Amino acid sequence: MKNLLQTNIGRLRIIGFLEGTSLITLFFIAVPLKYIFGMPFLTRPVGTIHGTLFLLFIFNALSVGVEQNWKFKDTTWKVLLACIIPFGTFYIDTKILSKIKIE
């Protein structure tokens, strides 16, 4: 069995985990610190990291969609939507990505 980093689907799963974690960190830690406690020091670095991971996730999801011959209306849109919903990438990983065979 191949290492996760050696396949497009494996890289997408890793990026999805990191992107989901960064979104949760941004929504539930950095933004409340800024707007509730007046401590904006985390929003810029976490926002930059999240933005980079978001773009990587989008590009990789489209690449995997082409590689796996996903139909946009059946699968691709669900994977793309997942990255803008907190905990969405974790759900998609469990329901779709983890079930794809890595060869």
PDB file of N, CA and C in Angstrom:
ATOM      1  N   MET A   1       0.840  -1.186   0.000  1.00  0.00           N
ATOM      2  CA  MET A   1       0.000   0.000   0.000  1.00  0.00           C
ATOM      3  C   MET A   1       0.885   1.250   0.000  1.00  0.00           C
ATOM      4  N   LYS A   2       0.499   2.209  -0.796  1.00  0.00           N
ATOM      5  CA  LYS A   2       1.278   3.430  -0.924  1.00  0.00           C
ATOM      6  C   LYS A   2       1.087   4.345   0.281  1.00  0.00           C
ATOM      7  N   ASN A   3       2.091   5.168   0.503  1.00  0.00           N
ATOM      8  CA  ASN A   3       2.033   6.219   1.507  1.00  0.00           C
ATOM      9  C   ASN A   3       1.008   7.259   1.044  1.00  0.00           C
ATOM     10  N   LEU A   4       0.303   7.890   1.974  1.00  0.00           N
ATOM     11  CA  LEU A   4      -0.698   8.898   1.617  1.00  0.00           C
ATOM     12  C   LEU A   4      -0.124  10.026   0.766  1.00  0.00           C
ATOM     13  N   LEU A   5       1.113  10.413   1.008  1.00  0.00           N
ATOM     14  CA  LEU A   5       1.705  11.519   0.254  1.00  0.00           C
ATOM     15  C   LEU A   5       2.053  11.148  -1.176  1.00  0.00           C
ATOM     16  N   GLN A   6       2.024   9.875  -1.512  1.00  0.00           N
ATOM     17  CA  GLN A   6       2.394   9.434  -2.856  1.00  0.00           C
ATOM     18  C   GLN A   6       1.226   9.437  -3.839  1.00  0.00           C
ATOM     19  N   THR A   7       0.028   9.710  -3.373  1.00  0.00           N
ATOM     20  CA  THR A   7      -1.133   9.695  -4.258  1.00  0.00           C
ATOM     21  C   THR A   7      -1.903  11.014  -4.143  1.00  0.00           C
ATOM     22  N   ASN A   8      -2.610  11.352  -5.206  1.00  0.00           N
ATOM     23  CA  ASN A   8      -3.420  12.584  -5.183  1.00  0.00           C
ATOM     24  C   ASN A   8      -4.514  12.508  -4.129  1.00  0.00           C
ATOM     25  N   ILE A   9      -5.156  11.376  -4.007  1.00  0.00           N
ATOM     26  CA  ILE A   9      -6.235  11.239  -3.026  1.00  0.00           C
ATOM     27  C   ILE A   9      -5.673  11.329  -1.602  1.00  0.00           C
ATOM     28  N   GLY A  10      -4.506  10.766  -1.387  1.00  0.00           N
ATOM     29  CA  GLY A  10      -3.863  10.850  -0.072  1.00  0.00           C
ATOM     30  C   GLY A  10      -3.502  12.277   0.284  1.00  0.00           C
ATOM     31  N   ARG A  11      -2.946  12.995  -0.693  1.00  0.00           N
ATOM     32  CA  ARG A  11      -2.611  14.406  -0.453  1.00  0.00           C
ATOM     33  C   ARG A  11      -3.874  15.220  -0.187  1.00  0.00           C
ATOM     34  N   LEU A  12      -4.944  14.930  -0.923  1.00  0.00           N
ATOM     35  CA  LEU A  12      -6.201  15.648  -0.698  1.00  0.00           C
ATOM     36  C   LEU A  12      -6.724  15.398   0.711  1.00  0.00           C
ATOM     37  N   ARG A  13      -6.628  14.184   1.182  1.00  0.00           N
ATOM     38  CA  ARG A  13      -7.099  13.868   2.534  1.00  0.00           C
ATOM     39  C   ARG A  13      -6.285  14.611   3.595  1.00  0.00           C
ATOM     40  N   ILE A  14      -4.971  14.674   3.406  1.00  0.00           N
ATOM     41  CA  ILE A  14      -4.109  15.391   4.359  1.00  0.00           C
ATOM     42  C   ILE A  14      -4.399  16.882   4.319  1.00  0.00           C
ATOM     43  N   ILE A  15      -4.483  17.440   3.115  1.00  0.00           N
ATOM     44  CA  ILE A  15      -4.783  18.866   2.987  1.00  0.00           C
ATOM     45  C   ILE A  15      -6.166  19.161   3.559  1.00  0.00           C
ATOM     46  N   GLY A  16      -7.122  18.269   3.345  1.00  0.00           N
ATOM     47  CA  GLY A  16      -8.460  18.448   3.903  1.00  0.00           C
ATOM     48  C   GLY A  16      -8.446  18.497   5.420  1.00  0.00           C
ATOM     49  N   PHE A  17      -7.651  17.622   6.027  1.00  0.00           N
ATOM     50  CA  PHE A  17      -7.538  17.632   7.490  1.00  0.00           C
ATOM     51  C   PHE A  17      -6.937  18.958   7.969  1.00  0.00           C
ATOM     52  N   LEU A  18      -5.862  19.389   7.318  1.00  0.00           N
ATOM     53  CA  LEU A  18      -5.204  20.641   7.713  1.00  0.00           C
ATOM     54  C   LEU A  18      -6.103  21.845   7.454  1.00  0.00           C
ATOM     55  N   GLU A  19      -6.800  21.854   6.318  1.00  0.00           N
ATOM     56  CA  GLU A  19      -7.696  22.958   5.989  1.00  0.00           C
ATOM     57  C   GLU A  19      -8.853  23.019   6.977  1.00  0.00           C
ATOM     58  N   GLY A  20      -9.422  21.877   7.299  1.00  0.00           N
ATOM     59  CA  GLY A  20     -10.510  21.836   8.273  1.00  0.00           C
ATOM     60  C   GLY A  20     -10.076  22.307   9.649  1.00  0.00           C
ATOM     61  N   THR A  21      -8.885  21.902  10.047  1.00  0.00           N
ATOM     62  CA  THR A  21      -8.344  22.330  11.333  1.00  0.00           C
ATOM     63  C   THR A  21      -8.095  23.833  11.346  1.00  0.00           C
ATOM     64  N   SER A  22      -7.566  24.367  10.242  1.00  0.00           N
ATOM     65  CA  SER A  22      -7.304  25.812  10.191  1.00  0.00           C
ATOM     66  C   SER A  22      -8.610  26.615  10.197  1.00  0.00           C
ATOM     67  N   LEU A  23      -9.659  26.099   9.543  1.00  0.00           N
ATOM     68  CA  LEU A  23     -10.941  26.794   9.547  1.00  0.00           C
ATOM     69  C   LEU A  23     -11.549  26.826  10.944  1.00  0.00           C
ATOM     70  N   ILE A  24     -11.469  25.713  11.634  1.00  0.00           N
ATOM     71  CA  ILE A  24     -11.981  25.650  13.005  1.00  0.00           C
ATOM     72  C   ILE A  24     -11.190  26.585  13.914  1.00  0.00           C
ATOM     73  N   THR A  25      -9.878  26.602  13.756  1.00  0.00           N
ATOM     74  CA  THR A  25      -9.026  27.499  14.549  1.00  0.00           C
ATOM     75  C   THR A  25      -9.383  28.953  14.270  1.00  0.00           C
ATOM     76  N   LEU A  26      -9.593  29.269  13.010  1.00  0.00           N
ATOM     77  CA  LEU A  26      -9.947  30.639  12.639  1.00  0.00           C
ATOM     78  C   LEU A  26     -11.311  31.028  13.214  1.00  0.00           C
ATOM     79  N   PHE A  27     -12.329  30.191  13.011  1.00  0.00           N
ATOM     80  CA  PHE A  27     -13.691  30.505  13.454  1.00  0.00           C
ATOM     81  C   PHE A  27     -13.857  30.511  14.965  1.00  0.00           C
ATOM     82  N   PHE A  28     -13.242  29.551  15.635  1.00  0.00           N
ATOM     83  CA  PHE A  28     -13.536  29.362  17.049  1.00  0.00           C
ATOM     84  C   PHE A  28     -12.465  29.865  18.013  1.00  0.00           C
ATOM     85  N   ILE A  29     -11.314  30.266  17.489  1.00  0.00           N
ATOM     86  CA  ILE A  29     -10.272  30.801  18.367  1.00  0.00           C
ATOM     87  C   ILE A  29      -9.865  32.211  17.938  1.00  0.00           C
ATOM     88  N   ALA A  30      -9.359  32.349  16.694  1.00  0.00           N
ATOM     89  CA  ALA A  30      -8.805  33.635  16.263  1.00  0.00           C
ATOM     90  C   ALA A  30      -9.857  34.741  16.173  1.00  0.00           C
ATOM     91  N   VAL A  31     -10.990  34.467  15.553  1.00  0.00           N
ATOM     92  CA  VAL A  31     -12.020  35.502  15.397  1.00  0.00           C
ATOM     93  C   VAL A  31     -12.641  35.899  16.740  1.00  0.00           C
ATOM     94  N   PRO A  32     -12.999  34.952  17.609  1.00  0.00           N
ATOM     95  CA  PRO A  32     -13.486  35.387  18.932  1.00  0.00           C
ATOM     96  C   PRO A  32     -12.446  36.189  19.727  1.00  0.00           C
ATOM     97  N   LEU A  33     -11.178  35.786  19.629  1.00  0.00           N
ATOM     98  CA  LEU A  33     -10.156  36.569  20.320  1.00  0.00           C
ATOM     99  C   LEU A  33     -10.128  38.005  19.818  1.00  0.00           C
ATOM    100  N   LYS A  34     -10.289  38.158  18.514  1.00  0.00           N
ATOM    101  CA  LYS A  34     -10.245  39.504  17.930  1.00  0.00           C
ATOM    102  C   LYS A  34     -11.475  40.329  18.323  1.00  0.00           C
ATOM    103  N   TYR A  35     -12.651  39.777  18.120  1.00  0.00           N
ATOM    104  CA  TYR A  35     -13.861  40.581  18.273  1.00  0.00           C
ATOM    105  C   TYR A  35     -14.450  40.594  19.676  1.00  0.00           C
ATOM    106  N   ILE A  36     -14.184  39.602  20.472  1.00  0.00           N
ATOM    107  CA  ILE A  36     -14.725  39.588  21.834  1.00  0.00           C
ATOM    108  C   ILE A  36     -13.719  40.154  22.825  1.00  0.00           C
ATOM    109  N   PHE A  37     -12.452  39.772  22.643  1.00  0.00           N
ATOM    110  CA  PHE A  37     -11.433  40.161  23.613  1.00  0.00           C
ATOM    111  C   PHE A  37     -10.487  41.249  23.115  1.00  0.00           C
ATOM    112  N   GLY A  38     -10.672  41.703  21.871  1.00  0.00           N
ATOM    113  CA  GLY A  38      -9.828  42.771  21.336  1.00  0.00           C
ATOM    114  C   GLY A  38      -8.381  42.354  21.136  1.00  0.00           C
ATOM    115  N   MET A  39      -8.152  41.079  20.847  1.00  0.00           N
ATOM    116  CA  MET A  39      -6.786  40.558  20.667  1.00  0.00           C
ATOM    117  C   MET A  39      -6.652  40.002  19.240  1.00  0.00           C
ATOM    118  N   PRO A  40      -6.293  40.869  18.271  1.00  0.00           N
ATOM    119  CA  PRO A  40      -6.294  40.461  16.864  1.00  0.00           C
ATOM    120  C   PRO A  40      -5.025  39.746  16.390  1.00  0.00           C
ATOM    121  N   PHE A  41      -4.118  39.414  17.274  1.00  0.00           N
ATOM    122  CA  PHE A  41      -2.804  38.907  16.865  1.00  0.00           C
ATOM    123  C   PHE A  41      -2.835  37.583  16.095  1.00  0.00           C
ATOM    124  N   LEU A  42      -3.860  36.771  16.238  1.00  0.00           N
ATOM    125  CA  LEU A  42      -3.920  35.476  15.546  1.00  0.00           C
ATOM    126  C   LEU A  42      -4.633  35.512  14.200  1.00  0.00           C
ATOM    127  N   THR A  43      -5.468  36.515  13.966  1.00  0.00           N
ATOM    128  CA  THR A  43      -6.291  36.474  12.759  1.00  0.00           C
ATOM    129  C   THR A  43      -5.467  36.511  11.483  1.00  0.00           C
ATOM    130  N   ARG A  44      -4.435  37.312  11.422  1.00  0.00           N
ATOM    131  CA  ARG A  44      -3.645  37.396  10.183  1.00  0.00           C
ATOM    132  C   ARG A  44      -2.881  36.102   9.897  1.00  0.00           C
ATOM    133  N   PRO A  45      -2.077  35.582  10.832  1.00  0.00           N
ATOM    134  CA  PRO A  45      -1.345  34.350  10.487  1.00  0.00           C
ATOM    135  C   PRO A  45      -2.255  33.147  10.245  1.00  0.00           C
ATOM    136  N   VAL A  46      -3.281  32.984  11.074  1.00  0.00           N
ATOM    137  CA  VAL A  46      -4.184  31.852  10.889  1.00  0.00           C
ATOM    138  C   VAL A  46      -4.988  32.033   9.604  1.00  0.00           C
ATOM    139  N   GLY A  47      -5.404  33.248   9.317  1.00  0.00           N
ATOM    140  CA  GLY A  47      -6.129  33.530   8.079  1.00  0.00           C
ATOM    141  C   GLY A  47      -5.295  33.254   6.845  1.00  0.00           C
ATOM    142  N   THR A  48      -4.025  33.618   6.883  1.00  0.00           N
ATOM    143  CA  THR A  48      -3.119  33.371   5.756  1.00  0.00           C
ATOM    144  C   THR A  48      -2.900  31.878   5.551  1.00  0.00           C
ATOM    145  N   ILE A  49      -2.668  31.174   6.631  1.00  0.00           N
ATOM    146  CA  ILE A  49      -2.476  29.717   6.550  1.00  0.00           C
ATOM    147  C   ILE A  49      -3.746  29.056   6.021  1.00  0.00           C
ATOM    148  N   HIS A  50      -4.884  29.465   6.554  1.00  0.00           N
ATOM    149  CA  HIS A  50      -6.152  28.886   6.105  1.00  0.00           C
ATOM    150  C   HIS A  50      -6.396  29.182   4.619  1.00  0.00           C
ATOM    151  N   GLY A  51      -6.140  30.401   4.190  1.00  0.00           N
ATOM    152  CA  GLY A  51      -6.342  30.763   2.790  1.00  0.00           C
ATOM    153  C   GLY A  51      -5.488  29.929   1.848  1.00  0.00           C
ATOM    154  N   THR A  52      -4.250  29.698   2.234  1.00  0.00           N
ATOM    155  CA  THR A  52      -3.349  28.872   1.429  1.00  0.00           C
ATOM    156  C   THR A  52      -3.850  27.437   1.368  1.00  0.00           C
ATOM    157  N   LEU A  53      -4.211  26.885   2.515  1.00  0.00           N
ATOM    158  CA  LEU A  53      -4.721  25.516   2.549  1.00  0.00           C
ATOM    159  C   LEU A  53      -6.046  25.390   1.800  1.00  0.00           C
ATOM    160  N   PHE A  54      -6.886  26.417   1.869  1.00  0.00           N
ATOM    161  CA  PHE A  54      -8.156  26.429   1.149  1.00  0.00           C
ATOM    162  C   PHE A  54      -7.914  26.312  -0.355  1.00  0.00           C
ATOM    163  N   LEU A  55      -6.992  27.125  -0.871  1.00  0.00           N
ATOM    164  CA  LEU A  55      -6.683  27.071  -2.304  1.00  0.00           C
ATOM    165  C   LEU A  55      -6.075  25.728  -2.697  1.00  0.00           C
ATOM    166  N   LEU A  56      -5.174  25.211  -1.871  1.00  0.00           N
ATOM    167  CA  LEU A  56      -4.595  23.893  -2.144  1.00  0.00           C
ATOM    168  C   LEU A  56      -5.678  22.816  -2.165  1.00  0.00           C
ATOM    169  N   PHE A  57      -6.620  22.902  -1.254  1.00  0.00           N
ATOM    170  CA  PHE A  57      -7.711  21.927  -1.214  1.00  0.00           C
ATOM    171  C   PHE A  57      -8.550  22.005  -2.485  1.00  0.00           C
ATOM    172  N   ILE A  58      -8.899  23.213  -2.909  1.00  0.00           N
ATOM    173  CA  ILE A  58      -9.717  23.391  -4.115  1.00  0.00           C
ATOM    174  C   ILE A  58      -9.002  22.791  -5.327  1.00  0.00           C
ATOM    175  N   PHE A  59      -7.738  23.172  -5.520  1.00  0.00           N
ATOM    176  CA  PHE A  59      -6.982  22.672  -6.684  1.00  0.00           C
ATOM    177  C   PHE A  59      -6.827  21.158  -6.643  1.00  0.00           C
ATOM    178  N   ASN A  60      -6.532  20.626  -5.473  1.00  0.00           N
ATOM    179  CA  ASN A  60      -6.371  19.179  -5.346  1.00  0.00           C
ATOM    180  C   ASN A  60      -7.692  18.440  -5.512  1.00  0.00           C
ATOM    181  N   ALA A  61      -8.777  19.010  -5.008  1.00  0.00           N
ATOM    182  CA  ALA A  61     -10.092  18.374  -5.164  1.00  0.00           C
ATOM    183  C   ALA A  61     -10.470  18.295  -6.638  1.00  0.00           C
ATOM    184  N   LEU A  62     -10.220  19.366  -7.381  1.00  0.00           N
ATOM    185  CA  LEU A  62     -10.513  19.346  -8.813  1.00  0.00           C
ATOM    186  C   LEU A  62      -9.626  18.334  -9.536  1.00  0.00           C
ATOM    187  N   SER A  63      -8.360  18.254  -9.145  1.00  0.00           N
ATOM    188  CA  SER A  63      -7.435  17.293  -9.746  1.00  0.00           C
ATOM    189  C   SER A  63      -7.879  15.859  -9.482  1.00  0.00           C
ATOM    190  N   VAL A  64      -8.252  15.573  -8.245  1.00  0.00           N
ATOM    191  CA  VAL A  64      -8.728  14.229  -7.898  1.00  0.00           C
ATOM    192  C   VAL A  64     -10.046  13.942  -8.608  1.00  0.00           C
ATOM    193  N   GLY A  65     -10.902  14.937  -8.713  1.00  0.00           N
ATOM    194  CA  GLY A  65     -12.167  14.755  -9.416  1.00  0.00           C
ATOM    195  C   GLY A  65     -11.967  14.333 -10.863  1.00  0.00           C
ATOM    196  N   VAL A  66     -11.000  14.950 -11.522  1.00  0.00           N
ATOM    197  CA  VAL A  66     -10.685  14.576 -12.909  1.00  0.00           C
ATOM    198  C   VAL A  66     -10.072  13.179 -12.940  1.00  0.00           C
ATOM    199  N   GLU A  67      -9.134  12.929 -12.035  1.00  0.00           N
ATOM    200  CA  GLU A  67      -8.454  11.624 -11.983  1.00  0.00           C
ATOM    201  C   GLU A  67      -9.424  10.485 -11.699  1.00  0.00           C
ATOM    202  N   GLN A  68     -10.394  10.718 -10.827  1.00  0.00           N
ATOM    203  CA  GLN A  68     -11.350   9.683 -10.424  1.00  0.00           C
ATOM    204  C   GLN A  68     -12.614   9.670 -11.291  1.00  0.00           C
ATOM    205  N   ASN A  69     -12.667  10.558 -12.269  1.00  0.00           N
ATOM    206  CA  ASN A  69     -13.841  10.672 -13.146  1.00  0.00           C
ATOM    207  C   ASN A  69     -15.132  10.946 -12.374  1.00  0.00           C
ATOM    208  N   TRP A  70     -15.029  11.836 -11.365  1.00  0.00           N
ATOM    209  CA  TRP A  70     -16.204  12.215 -10.615  1.00  0.00           C
ATOM    210  C   TRP A  70     -17.131  13.039 -11.497  1.00  0.00           C
ATOM    211  N   LYS A  71     -18.404  12.839 -11.368  1.00  0.00           N
ATOM    212  CA  LYS A  71     -19.380  13.713 -12.014  1.00  0.00           C
ATOM    213  C   LYS A  71     -19.573  14.906 -11.078  1.00  0.00           C
ATOM    214  N   PHE A  72     -19.518  16.122 -11.642  1.00  0.00           N
ATOM    215  CA  PHE A  72     -19.580  17.318 -10.807  1.00  0.00           C
ATOM    216  C   PHE A  72     -20.842  17.329  -9.958  1.00  0.00           C
ATOM    217  N   LYS A  73     -21.986  17.021 -10.555  1.00  0.00           N
ATOM    218  CA  LYS A  73     -23.249  17.112  -9.812  1.00  0.00           C
ATOM    219  C   LYS A  73     -23.428  15.999  -8.788  1.00  0.00           C
ATOM    220  N   ASP A  74     -22.613  14.953  -8.864  1.00  0.00           N
ATOM    221  CA  ASP A  74     -22.733  13.853  -7.908  1.00  0.00           C
ATOM    222  C   ASP A  74     -21.728  13.941  -6.755  1.00  0.00           C
ATOM    223  N   THR A  75     -20.486  14.279  -7.042  1.00  0.00           N
ATOM    224  CA  THR A  75     -19.443  14.202  -6.019  1.00  0.00           C
ATOM    225  C   THR A  75     -18.631  15.482  -5.864  1.00  0.00           C
ATOM    226  N   THR A  76     -18.137  16.028  -6.965  1.00  0.00           N
ATOM    227  CA  THR A  76     -17.194  17.155  -6.892  1.00  0.00           C
ATOM    228  C   THR A  76     -17.761  18.328  -6.108  1.00  0.00           C
ATOM    229  N   TRP A  77     -18.995  18.702  -6.334  1.00  0.00           N
ATOM    230  CA  TRP A  77     -19.552  19.855  -5.635  1.00  0.00           C
ATOM    231  C   TRP A  77     -19.618  19.626  -4.135  1.00  0.00           C
ATOM    232  N   LYS A  78     -19.854  18.380  -3.712  1.00  0.00           N
ATOM    233  CA  LYS A  78     -19.907  18.077  -2.279  1.00  0.00           C
ATOM    234  C   LYS A  78     -18.541  18.268  -1.637  1.00  0.00           C
ATOM    235  N   VAL A  79     -17.513  17.804  -2.331  1.00  0.00           N
ATOM    236  CA  VAL A  79     -16.149  17.934  -1.806  1.00  0.00           C
ATOM    237  C   VAL A  79     -15.753  19.402  -1.751  1.00  0.00           C
ATOM    238  N   LEU A  80     -16.084  20.162  -2.789  1.00  0.00           N
ATOM    239  CA  LEU A  80     -15.743  21.585  -2.802  1.00  0.00           C
ATOM    240  C   LEU A  80     -16.525  22.364  -1.738  1.00  0.00           C
ATOM    241  N   LEU A  81     -17.776  22.033  -1.549  1.00  0.00           N
ATOM    242  CA  LEU A  81     -18.596  22.706  -0.532  1.00  0.00           C
ATOM    243  C   LEU A  81     -18.070  22.433   0.881  1.00  0.00           C
ATOM    244  N   ALA A  82     -17.517  21.257   1.074  1.00  0.00           N
ATOM    245  CA  ALA A  82     -17.047  20.860   2.408  1.00  0.00           C
ATOM    246  C   ALA A  82     -16.007  21.808   2.976  1.00  0.00           C
ATOM    247  N   CYS A  83     -15.203  22.424   2.120  1.00  0.00           N
ATOM    248  CA  CYS A  83     -14.108  23.244   2.640  1.00  0.00           C
ATOM    249  C   CYS A  83     -14.565  24.617   3.124  1.00  0.00           C
ATOM    250  N   ILE A  84     -15.835  24.966   2.948  1.00  0.00           N
ATOM    251  CA  ILE A  84     -16.297  26.252   3.473  1.00  0.00           C
ATOM    252  C   ILE A  84     -17.219  26.090   4.678  1.00  0.00           C
ATOM    253  N   ILE A  85     -17.443  24.851   5.082  1.00  0.00           N
ATOM    254  CA  ILE A  85     -18.299  24.568   6.240  1.00  0.00           C
ATOM    255  C   ILE A  85     -17.424  24.004   7.364  1.00  0.00           C
ATOM    256  N   PRO A  86     -17.492  24.583   8.558  1.00  0.00           N
ATOM    257  CA  PRO A  86     -16.709  24.006   9.659  1.00  0.00           C
ATOM    258  C   PRO A  86     -17.035  22.520   9.824  1.00  0.00           C
ATOM    259  N   PHE A  87     -16.021  21.725   9.971  1.00  0.00           N
ATOM    260  CA  PHE A  87     -16.083  20.265  10.107  1.00  0.00           C
ATOM    261  C   PHE A  87     -16.463  19.557   8.798  1.00  0.00           C
ATOM    262  N   GLY A  88     -16.673  20.309   7.718  1.00  0.00           N
ATOM    263  CA  GLY A  88     -17.068  19.729   6.440  1.00  0.00           C
ATOM    264  C   GLY A  88     -16.017  18.810   5.832  1.00  0.00           C
ATOM    265  N   THR A  89     -14.761  19.193   5.924  1.00  0.00           N
ATOM    266  CA  THR A  89     -13.712  18.346   5.329  1.00  0.00           C
ATOM    267  C   THR A  89     -13.581  17.026   6.079  1.00  0.00           C
ATOM    268  N   PHE A  90     -13.848  17.031   7.363  1.00  0.00           N
ATOM    269  CA  PHE A  90     -13.778  15.790   8.137  1.00  0.00           C
ATOM    270  C   PHE A  90     -14.929  14.857   7.736  1.00  0.00           C
ATOM    271  N   TYR A  91     -16.094  15.435   7.512  1.00  0.00           N
ATOM    272  CA  TYR A  91     -17.262  14.661   7.087  1.00  0.00           C
ATOM    273  C   TYR A  91     -17.020  14.049   5.704  1.00  0.00           C
ATOM    274  N   ILE A  92     -16.542  14.856   4.777  1.00  0.00           N
ATOM    275  CA  ILE A  92     -16.284  14.388   3.407  1.00  0.00           C
ATOM    276  C   ILE A  92     -15.190  13.325   3.402  1.00  0.00           C
ATOM    277  N   ASP A  93     -14.186  13.488   4.254  1.00  0.00           N
ATOM    278  CA  ASP A  93     -13.132  12.477   4.331  1.00  0.00           C
ATOM    279  C   ASP A  93     -13.717  11.131   4.742  1.00  0.00           C
ATOM    280  N   THR A  94     -14.602  11.159   5.723  1.00  0.00           N
ATOM    281  CA  THR A  94     -15.215   9.923   6.211  1.00  0.00           C
ATOM    282  C   THR A  94     -16.177   9.317   5.192  1.00  0.00           C
ATOM    283  N   LYS A  95     -17.008  10.148   4.577  1.00  0.00           N
ATOM    284  CA  LYS A  95     -18.069   9.644   3.687  1.00  0.00           C
ATOM    285  C   LYS A  95     -17.609   9.335   2.266  1.00  0.00           C
ATOM    286  N   ILE A  96     -16.604  10.075   1.751  1.00  0.00           N
ATOM    287  CA  ILE A  96     -16.217   9.903   0.347  1.00  0.00           C
ATOM    288  C   ILE A  96     -14.749   9.527   0.194  1.00  0.00           C
ATOM    289  N   LEU A  97     -13.856  10.362   0.704  1.00  0.00           N
ATOM    290  CA  LEU A  97     -12.432  10.207   0.393  1.00  0.00           C
ATOM    291  C   LEU A  97     -11.814   8.942   0.973  1.00  0.00           C
ATOM    292  N   SER A  98     -12.183   8.561   2.178  1.00  0.00           N
ATOM    293  CA  SER A  98     -11.576   7.378   2.796  1.00  0.00           C
ATOM    294  C   SER A  98     -12.004   6.078   2.100  1.00  0.00           C
ATOM    295  N   LYS A  99     -13.069   6.134   1.322  1.00  0.00           N
ATOM    296  CA  LYS A  99     -13.570   4.932   0.656  1.00  0.00           C
ATOM    297  C   LYS A  99     -12.962   4.711  -0.726  1.00  0.00           C
ATOM    298  N   ILE A 100     -12.162   5.675  -1.191  1.00  0.00           N
ATOM    299  CA  ILE A 100     -11.519   5.534  -2.495  1.00  0.00           C
ATOM    300  C   ILE A 100     -10.258   4.698  -2.312  1.00  0.00           C
ATOM    301  N   LYS A 101     -10.125   3.672  -3.111  1.00  0.00           N
ATOM    302  CA  LYS A 101      -8.962   2.772  -3.023  1.00  0.00           C
ATOM    303  C   LYS A 101      -7.711   3.453  -3.523  1.00  0.00           C
ATOM    304  N   ILE A 102      -6.648   3.368  -2.726  1.00  0.00           N
ATOM    305  CA  ILE A 102      -5.335   3.894  -3.127  1.00  0.00           C
ATOM    306  C   ILE A 102      -4.554   2.729  -3.714  1.00  0.00           C
ATOM    307  N   GLU A 103      -4.183   2.869  -4.955  1.00  0.00           N
ATOM    308  CA  GLU A 103      -3.445   1.776  -5.623  1.00  0.00           C
ATOM    309  C   GLU A 103      -2.037   2.197  -5.939  1.00  0.00           C
TER     310      GLU A 103
END
